[in-house]
Amino acid sequence: MAEQKFEDAFQKLETIVKKLEEGNLSLEDSLKAFEEGVRLSRFCSKKLDEAEKKVEILLKDSNGRLVPKPFSLDAEED
C-alpha cells in the first residue's frame, strides 16, 4: 500500500472534525470517527516533526552557514 500523504490525512482529519462538531453522528459512529481522527492527528504530527528536523538540518552547520545535508531519522545529532 502506498504511503499516505500529509495533505490527504489532514483533509480527512478536517472532515472528521466537521462531522463531530455537527453532532449528528451516533455514539458508535462518533467513537469510530474520533479514533480515526486520533490516528490521523498522530500521523500528521509525525510528518510535521520530520519536516521540522529536515529544515533544521538545512539551516545549521558548524559555521552557521546554510548547507543542505542528507536527512535520516536514524542519524545521530552532531
PDB file of N, CA and C in Angstrom:
ATOM      1  N   MET A   1       0.847  -1.182   0.000  1.00  0.00           N
ATOM      2  CA  MET A   1       0.000   0.000   0.000  1.00  0.00           C
ATOM      3  C   MET A   1       0.887   1.238   0.000  1.00  0.00           C
ATOM      4  N   ALA A   2       0.520   2.242  -0.775  1.00  0.00           N
ATOM      5  CA  ALA A   2       1.300   3.476  -0.868  1.00  0.00           C
ATOM      6  C   ALA A   2       1.217   4.254   0.440  1.00  0.00           C
ATOM      7  N   GLU A   3       2.300   4.969   0.726  1.00  0.00           N
ATOM      8  CA  GLU A   3       2.334   5.759   1.950  1.00  0.00           C
ATOM      9  C   GLU A   3       1.352   6.926   1.841  1.00  0.00           C
ATOM     10  N   GLN A   4       0.662   7.167   2.929  1.00  0.00           N
ATOM     11  CA  GLN A   4      -0.316   8.244   2.971  1.00  0.00           C
ATOM     12  C   GLN A   4       0.384   9.601   2.948  1.00  0.00           C
ATOM     13  N   LYS A   5      -0.185  10.554   2.234  1.00  0.00           N
ATOM     14  CA  LYS A   5       0.372  11.894   2.165  1.00  0.00           C
ATOM     15  C   LYS A   5      -0.192  12.743   3.300  1.00  0.00           C
ATOM     16  N   PHE A   6       0.630  13.665   3.771  1.00  0.00           N
ATOM     17  CA  PHE A   6       0.216  14.579   4.835  1.00  0.00           C
ATOM     18  C   PHE A   6      -1.051  15.325   4.446  1.00  0.00           C
ATOM     19  N   GLU A   7      -1.084  15.878   3.244  1.00  0.00           N
ATOM     20  CA  GLU A   7      -2.227  16.692   2.813  1.00  0.00           C
ATOM     21  C   GLU A   7      -3.518  15.889   2.807  1.00  0.00           C
ATOM     22  N   ASP A   8      -3.446  14.636   2.358  1.00  0.00           N
ATOM     23  CA  ASP A   8      -4.631  13.780   2.342  1.00  0.00           C
ATOM     24  C   ASP A   8      -5.105  13.474   3.759  1.00  0.00           C
ATOM     25  N   ALA A   9      -4.168  13.159   4.628  1.00  0.00           N
ATOM     26  CA  ALA A   9      -4.517  12.849   6.018  1.00  0.00           C
ATOM     27  C   ALA A   9      -5.116  14.073   6.703  1.00  0.00           C
ATOM     28  N   PHE A  10      -4.535  15.237   6.456  1.00  0.00           N
ATOM     29  CA  PHE A  10      -5.034  16.461   7.087  1.00  0.00           C
ATOM     30  C   PHE A  10      -6.445  16.787   6.602  1.00  0.00           C
ATOM     31  N   GLN A  11      -6.697  16.591   5.312  1.00  0.00           N
ATOM     32  CA  GLN A  11      -8.029  16.836   4.768  1.00  0.00           C
ATOM     33  C   GLN A  11      -9.053  15.884   5.398  1.00  0.00           C
ATOM     34  N   LYS A  12      -8.691  14.612   5.536  1.00  0.00           N
ATOM     35  CA  LYS A  12      -9.584  13.644   6.184  1.00  0.00           C
ATOM     36  C   LYS A  12      -9.845  14.044   7.634  1.00  0.00           C
ATOM     37  N   LEU A  13      -8.799  14.506   8.310  1.00  0.00           N
ATOM     38  CA  LEU A  13      -8.947  14.936   9.701  1.00  0.00           C
ATOM     39  C   LEU A  13      -9.909  16.120   9.803  1.00  0.00           C
ATOM     40  N   GLU A  14      -9.787  17.075   8.894  1.00  0.00           N
ATOM     41  CA  GLU A  14     -10.704  18.218   8.888  1.00  0.00           C
ATOM     42  C   GLU A  14     -12.148  17.776   8.690  1.00  0.00           C
ATOM     43  N   THR A  15     -12.362  16.805   7.804  1.00  0.00           N
ATOM     44  CA  THR A  15     -13.706  16.289   7.550  1.00  0.00           C
ATOM     45  C   THR A  15     -14.273  15.624   8.798  1.00  0.00           C
ATOM     46  N   ILE A  16     -13.451  14.857   9.478  1.00  0.00           N
ATOM     47  CA  ILE A  16     -13.896  14.186  10.705  1.00  0.00           C
ATOM     48  C   ILE A  16     -14.270  15.213  11.771  1.00  0.00           C
ATOM     49  N   VAL A  17     -13.454  16.239  11.930  1.00  0.00           N
ATOM     50  CA  VAL A  17     -13.728  17.276  12.925  1.00  0.00           C
ATOM     51  C   VAL A  17     -15.063  17.948  12.622  1.00  0.00           C
ATOM     52  N   LYS A  18     -15.315  18.267  11.362  1.00  0.00           N
ATOM     53  CA  LYS A  18     -16.590  18.901  10.983  1.00  0.00           C
ATOM     54  C   LYS A  18     -17.773  18.001  11.321  1.00  0.00           C
ATOM     55  N   LYS A  19     -17.654  16.706  11.003  1.00  0.00           N
ATOM     56  CA  LYS A  19     -18.737  15.766  11.299  1.00  0.00           C
ATOM     57  C   LYS A  19     -18.991  15.674  12.802  1.00  0.00           C
ATOM     58  N   LEU A  20     -17.909  15.625  13.578  1.00  0.00           N
ATOM     59  CA  LEU A  20     -18.069  15.533  15.029  1.00  0.00           C
ATOM     60  C   LEU A  20     -18.685  16.821  15.587  1.00  0.00           C
ATOM     61  N   GLU A  21     -18.284  17.960  15.042  1.00  0.00           N
ATOM     62  CA  GLU A  21     -18.820  19.239  15.515  1.00  0.00           C
ATOM     63  C   GLU A  21     -20.302  19.387  15.193  1.00  0.00           C
ATOM     64  N   GLU A  22     -20.750  18.800  14.093  1.00  0.00           N
ATOM     65  CA  GLU A  22     -22.166  18.867  13.728  1.00  0.00           C
ATOM     66  C   GLU A  22     -23.036  18.144  14.737  1.00  0.00           C
ATOM     67  N   GLY A  23     -22.503  17.099  15.355  1.00  0.00           N
ATOM     68  CA  GLY A  23     -23.232  16.379  16.399  1.00  0.00           C
ATOM     69  C   GLY A  23     -24.335  15.474  15.902  1.00  0.00           C
ATOM     70  N   ASN A  24     -24.320  15.101  14.626  1.00  0.00           N
ATOM     71  CA  ASN A  24     -25.379  14.265  14.061  1.00  0.00           C
ATOM     72  C   ASN A  24     -25.025  12.787  14.017  1.00  0.00           C
ATOM     73  N   LEU A  25     -23.842  12.417  14.465  1.00  0.00           N
ATOM     74  CA  LEU A  25     -23.423  11.021  14.444  1.00  0.00           C
ATOM     75  C   LEU A  25     -23.913  10.287  15.688  1.00  0.00           C
ATOM     76  N   SER A  26     -24.134   8.996  15.537  1.00  0.00           N
ATOM     77  CA  SER A  26     -24.461   8.174  16.692  1.00  0.00           C
ATOM     78  C   SER A  26     -23.225   8.074  17.586  1.00  0.00           C
ATOM     79  N   LEU A  27     -23.426   7.614  18.794  1.00  0.00           N
ATOM     80  CA  LEU A  27     -22.296   7.460  19.714  1.00  0.00           C
ATOM     81  C   LEU A  27     -21.246   6.524  19.122  1.00  0.00           C
ATOM     82  N   GLU A  28     -21.691   5.410  18.560  1.00  0.00           N
ATOM     83  CA  GLU A  28     -20.763   4.441  17.984  1.00  0.00           C
ATOM     84  C   GLU A  28     -19.992   5.055  16.818  1.00  0.00           C
ATOM     85  N   ASP A  29     -20.692   5.763  15.928  1.00  0.00           N
ATOM     86  CA  ASP A  29     -20.029   6.402  14.791  1.00  0.00           C
ATOM     87  C   ASP A  29     -19.106   7.521  15.250  1.00  0.00           C
ATOM     88  N   SER A  30     -19.497   8.231  16.306  1.00  0.00           N
ATOM     89  CA  SER A  30     -18.655   9.288  16.859  1.00  0.00           C
ATOM     90  C   SER A  30     -17.352   8.710  17.401  1.00  0.00           C
ATOM     91  N   LEU A  31     -17.444   7.587  18.092  1.00  0.00           N
ATOM     92  CA  LEU A  31     -16.241   6.946  18.629  1.00  0.00           C
ATOM     93  C   LEU A  31     -15.324   6.459  17.515  1.00  0.00           C
ATOM     94  N   LYS A  32     -15.904   5.882  16.467  1.00  0.00           N
ATOM     95  CA  LYS A  32     -15.099   5.436  15.330  1.00  0.00           C
ATOM     96  C   LYS A  32     -14.415   6.625  14.666  1.00  0.00           C
ATOM     97  N   ALA A  33     -15.158   7.700  14.478  1.00  0.00           N
ATOM     98  CA  ALA A  33     -14.594   8.893  13.852  1.00  0.00           C
ATOM     99  C   ALA A  33     -13.499   9.483  14.731  1.00  0.00           C
ATOM    100  N   PHE A  34     -13.736   9.496  16.038  1.00  0.00           N
ATOM    101  CA  PHE A  34     -12.741  10.031  16.968  1.00  0.00           C
ATOM    102  C   PHE A  34     -11.453   9.203  16.916  1.00  0.00           C
ATOM    103  N   GLU A  35     -11.585   7.879  16.910  1.00  0.00           N
ATOM    104  CA  GLU A  35     -10.413   7.001  16.832  1.00  0.00           C
ATOM    105  C   GLU A  35      -9.630   7.257  15.552  1.00  0.00           C
ATOM    106  N   GLU A  36     -10.334   7.386  14.431  1.00  0.00           N
ATOM    107  CA  GLU A  36      -9.668   7.670  13.161  1.00  0.00           C
ATOM    108  C   GLU A  36      -9.009   9.043  13.211  1.00  0.00           C
ATOM    109  N   GLY A  37      -9.685  10.009  13.823  1.00  0.00           N
ATOM    110  CA  GLY A  37      -9.124  11.344  13.965  1.00  0.00           C
ATOM    111  C   GLY A  37      -7.840  11.346  14.779  1.00  0.00           C
ATOM    112  N   VAL A  38      -7.808  10.579  15.845  1.00  0.00           N
ATOM    113  CA  VAL A  38      -6.601  10.487  16.673  1.00  0.00           C
ATOM    114  C   VAL A  38      -5.467   9.876  15.861  1.00  0.00           C
ATOM    115  N   ARG A  39      -5.765   8.835  15.095  1.00  0.00           N
ATOM    116  CA  ARG A  39      -4.744   8.201  14.252  1.00  0.00           C
ATOM    117  C   ARG A  39      -4.204   9.197  13.233  1.00  0.00           C
ATOM    118  N   LEU A  40      -5.099   9.914  12.584  1.00  0.00           N
ATOM    119  CA  LEU A  40      -4.681  10.894  11.581  1.00  0.00           C
ATOM    120  C   LEU A  40      -3.899  12.039  12.220  1.00  0.00           C
ATOM    121  N   SER A  41      -4.313  12.462  13.390  1.00  0.00           N
ATOM    122  CA  SER A  41      -3.617  13.539  14.098  1.00  0.00           C
ATOM    123  C   SER A  41      -2.189  13.123  14.435  1.00  0.00           C
ATOM    124  N   ARG A  42      -2.018  11.906  14.901  1.00  0.00           N
ATOM    125  CA  ARG A  42      -0.676  11.408  15.217  1.00  0.00           C
ATOM    126  C   ARG A  42       0.185  11.312  13.963  1.00  0.00           C
ATOM    127  N   PHE A  43      -0.411  10.837  12.866  1.00  0.00           N
ATOM    128  CA  PHE A  43       0.310  10.742  11.599  1.00  0.00           C
ATOM    129  C   PHE A  43       0.774  12.125  11.143  1.00  0.00           C
ATOM    130  N   CYS A  44      -0.146  13.099  11.169  1.00  0.00           N
ATOM    131  CA  CYS A  44       0.191  14.464  10.742  1.00  0.00           C
ATOM    132  C   CYS A  44       1.265  15.062  11.642  1.00  0.00           C
ATOM    133  N   SER A  45       1.148  14.840  12.935  1.00  0.00           N
ATOM    134  CA  SER A  45       2.144  15.360  13.873  1.00  0.00           C
ATOM    135  C   SER A  45       3.521  14.768  13.583  1.00  0.00           C
ATOM    136  N   LYS A  46       3.564  13.484  13.301  1.00  0.00           N
ATOM    137  CA  LYS A  46       4.833  12.822  12.979  1.00  0.00           C
ATOM    138  C   LYS A  46       5.437  13.415  11.718  1.00  0.00           C
ATOM    139  N   LYS A  47       4.613  13.616  10.691  1.00  0.00           N
ATOM    140  CA  LYS A  47       5.104  14.176   9.438  1.00  0.00           C
ATOM    141  C   LYS A  47       5.622  15.604   9.637  1.00  0.00           C
ATOM    142  N   LEU A  48       4.938  16.396  10.451  1.00  0.00           N
ATOM    143  CA  LEU A  48       5.395  17.756  10.724  1.00  0.00           C
ATOM    144  C   LEU A  48       6.711  17.749  11.491  1.00  0.00           C
ATOM    145  N   ASP A  49       6.856  16.825  12.435  1.00  0.00           N
ATOM    146  CA  ASP A  49       8.121  16.699  13.176  1.00  0.00           C
ATOM    147  C   ASP A  49       9.270  16.342  12.230  1.00  0.00           C
ATOM    148  N   GLU A  50       9.007  15.424  11.299  1.00  0.00           N
ATOM    149  CA  GLU A  50      10.030  15.047  10.327  1.00  0.00           C
ATOM    150  C   GLU A  50      10.422  16.238   9.458  1.00  0.00           C
ATOM    151  N   ALA A  51       9.435  17.006   9.022  1.00  0.00           N
ATOM    152  CA  ALA A  51       9.720  18.178   8.190  1.00  0.00           C
ATOM    153  C   ALA A  51      10.528  19.206   8.974  1.00  0.00           C
ATOM    154  N   GLU A  52      10.198  19.397  10.240  1.00  0.00           N
ATOM    155  CA  GLU A  52      10.938  20.349  11.078  1.00  0.00           C
ATOM    156  C   GLU A  52      12.399  19.928  11.217  1.00  0.00           C
ATOM    157  N   LYS A  53      12.634  18.638  11.394  1.00  0.00           N
ATOM    158  CA  LYS A  53      14.006  18.147  11.505  1.00  0.00           C
ATOM    159  C   LYS A  53      14.772  18.362  10.208  1.00  0.00           C
ATOM    160  N   LYS A  54      14.109  18.170   9.066  1.00  0.00           N
ATOM    161  CA  LYS A  54      14.756  18.411   7.782  1.00  0.00           C
ATOM    162  C   LYS A  54      15.139  19.881   7.647  1.00  0.00           C
ATOM    163  N   VAL A  55      14.255  20.765   8.046  1.00  0.00           N
ATOM    164  CA  VAL A  55      14.538  22.196   7.966  1.00  0.00           C
ATOM    165  C   VAL A  55      15.720  22.550   8.861  1.00  0.00           C
ATOM    166  N   GLU A  56      15.750  22.010  10.066  1.00  0.00           N
ATOM    167  CA  GLU A  56      16.865  22.277  10.981  1.00  0.00           C
ATOM    168  C   GLU A  56      18.196  21.824  10.379  1.00  0.00           C
ATOM    169  N   ILE A  57      18.197  20.676   9.730  1.00  0.00           N
ATOM    170  CA  ILE A  57      19.414  20.174   9.097  1.00  0.00           C
ATOM    171  C   ILE A  57      19.860  21.126   7.994  1.00  0.00           C
ATOM    172  N   LEU A  58      18.901  21.629   7.221  1.00  0.00           N
ATOM    173  CA  LEU A  58      19.244  22.539   6.136  1.00  0.00           C
ATOM    174  C   LEU A  58      19.749  23.887   6.639  1.00  0.00           C
ATOM    175  N   LEU A  59      19.306  24.298   7.801  1.00  0.00           N
ATOM    176  CA  LEU A  59      19.643  25.624   8.297  1.00  0.00           C
ATOM    177  C   LEU A  59      20.940  25.687   9.088  1.00  0.00           C
ATOM    178  N   LYS A  60      21.403  24.580   9.600  1.00  0.00           N
ATOM    179  CA  LYS A  60      22.536  24.618  10.516  1.00  0.00           C
ATOM    180  C   LYS A  60      23.741  23.847   9.991  1.00  0.00           C
ATOM    181  N   ASP A  61      24.906  24.426  10.187  1.00  0.00           N
ATOM    182  CA  ASP A  61      26.155  23.685  10.064  1.00  0.00           C
ATOM    183  C   ASP A  61      27.096  24.236  11.133  1.00  0.00           C
ATOM    184  N   SER A  62      28.261  23.700  11.228  1.00  0.00           N
ATOM    185  CA  SER A  62      29.177  24.093  12.297  1.00  0.00           C
ATOM    186  C   SER A  62      29.623  25.544  12.192  1.00  0.00           C
ATOM    187  N   ASN A  63      29.550  26.129  10.997  1.00  0.00           N
ATOM    188  CA  ASN A  63      29.948  27.523  10.811  1.00  0.00           C
ATOM    189  C   ASN A  63      28.757  28.477  10.716  1.00  0.00           C
ATOM    190  N   GLY A  64      27.563  27.954  10.949  1.00  0.00           N
ATOM    191  CA  GLY A  64      26.374  28.786  10.894  1.00  0.00           C
ATOM    192  C   GLY A  64      25.885  29.066   9.484  1.00  0.00           C
ATOM    193  N   ARG A  65      26.432  28.374   8.495  1.00  0.00           N
ATOM    194  CA  ARG A  65      26.018  28.567   7.104  1.00  0.00           C
ATOM    195  C   ARG A  65      24.875  27.625   6.754  1.00  0.00           C
ATOM    196  N   LEU A  66      24.130  28.000   5.730  1.00  0.00           N
ATOM    197  CA  LEU A  66      23.066  27.147   5.221  1.00  0.00           C
ATOM    198  C   LEU A  66      23.687  26.112   4.296  1.00  0.00           C
ATOM    199  N   VAL A  67      23.687  24.881   4.730  1.00  0.00           N
ATOM    200  CA  VAL A  67      24.285  23.808   3.940  1.00  0.00           C
ATOM    201  C   VAL A  67      23.338  22.617   3.960  1.00  0.00           C
ATOM    202  N   PRO A  68      22.801  22.204   2.801  1.00  0.00           N
ATOM    203  CA  PRO A  68      21.920  21.035   2.781  1.00  0.00           C
ATOM    204  C   PRO A  68      22.704  19.765   3.109  1.00  0.00           C
ATOM    205  N   LYS A  69      22.085  18.892   3.875  1.00  0.00           N
ATOM    206  CA  LYS A  69      22.686  17.617   4.254  1.00  0.00           C
ATOM    207  C   LYS A  69      21.640  16.524   4.061  1.00  0.00           C
ATOM    208  N   PRO A  70      22.040  15.303   3.812  1.00  0.00           N
ATOM    209  CA  PRO A  70      21.064  14.204   3.735  1.00  0.00           C
ATOM    210  C   PRO A  70      20.342  14.053   5.064  1.00  0.00           C
ATOM    211  N   PHE A  71      19.093  13.663   4.995  1.00  0.00           N
ATOM    212  CA  PHE A  71      18.292  13.520   6.201  1.00  0.00           C
ATOM    213  C   PHE A  71      17.970  12.061   6.446  1.00  0.00           C
ATOM    214  N   SER A  72      18.091  11.667   7.697  1.00  0.00           N
ATOM    215  CA  SER A  72      17.695  10.338   8.120  1.00  0.00           C
ATOM    216  C   SER A  72      17.188  10.431   9.545  1.00  0.00           C
ATOM    217  N   LEU A  73      16.059   9.791   9.822  1.00  0.00           N
ATOM    218  CA  LEU A  73      15.536   9.789  11.190  1.00  0.00           C
ATOM    219  C   LEU A  73      16.465   9.052  12.139  1.00  0.00           C
ATOM    220  N   ASP A  74      17.284   8.162  11.592  1.00  0.00           N
ATOM    221  CA  ASP A  74      18.198   7.385  12.408  1.00  0.00           C
ATOM    222  C   ASP A  74      19.544   8.077  12.593  1.00  0.00           C
ATOM    223  N   ALA A  75      19.746   9.220  11.957  1.00  0.00           N
ATOM    224  CA  ALA A  75      21.026   9.924  12.054  1.00  0.00           C
ATOM    225  C   ALA A  75      21.231  10.463  13.453  1.00  0.00           C
ATOM    226  N   GLU A  76      22.452  10.358  13.926  1.00  0.00           N
ATOM    227  CA  GLU A  76      22.785  10.915  15.236  1.00  0.00           C
ATOM    228  C   GLU A  76      23.073  12.384  15.086  1.00  0.00           C
ATOM    229  N   GLU A  77      22.704  13.155  16.113  1.00  0.00           N
ATOM    230  CA  GLU A  77      22.963  14.590  16.086  1.00  0.00           C
ATOM    231  C   GLU A  77      24.408  14.845  16.369  1.00  0.00           C
ATOM    232  N   ASP A  78      24.963  15.904  15.731  1.00  0.00           N
ATOM    233  CA  ASP A  78      26.360  16.271  15.921  1.00  0.00           C
ATOM    234  C   ASP A  78      26.570  16.924  17.255  1.00  0.00           C
TER     235      ASP A  78
END
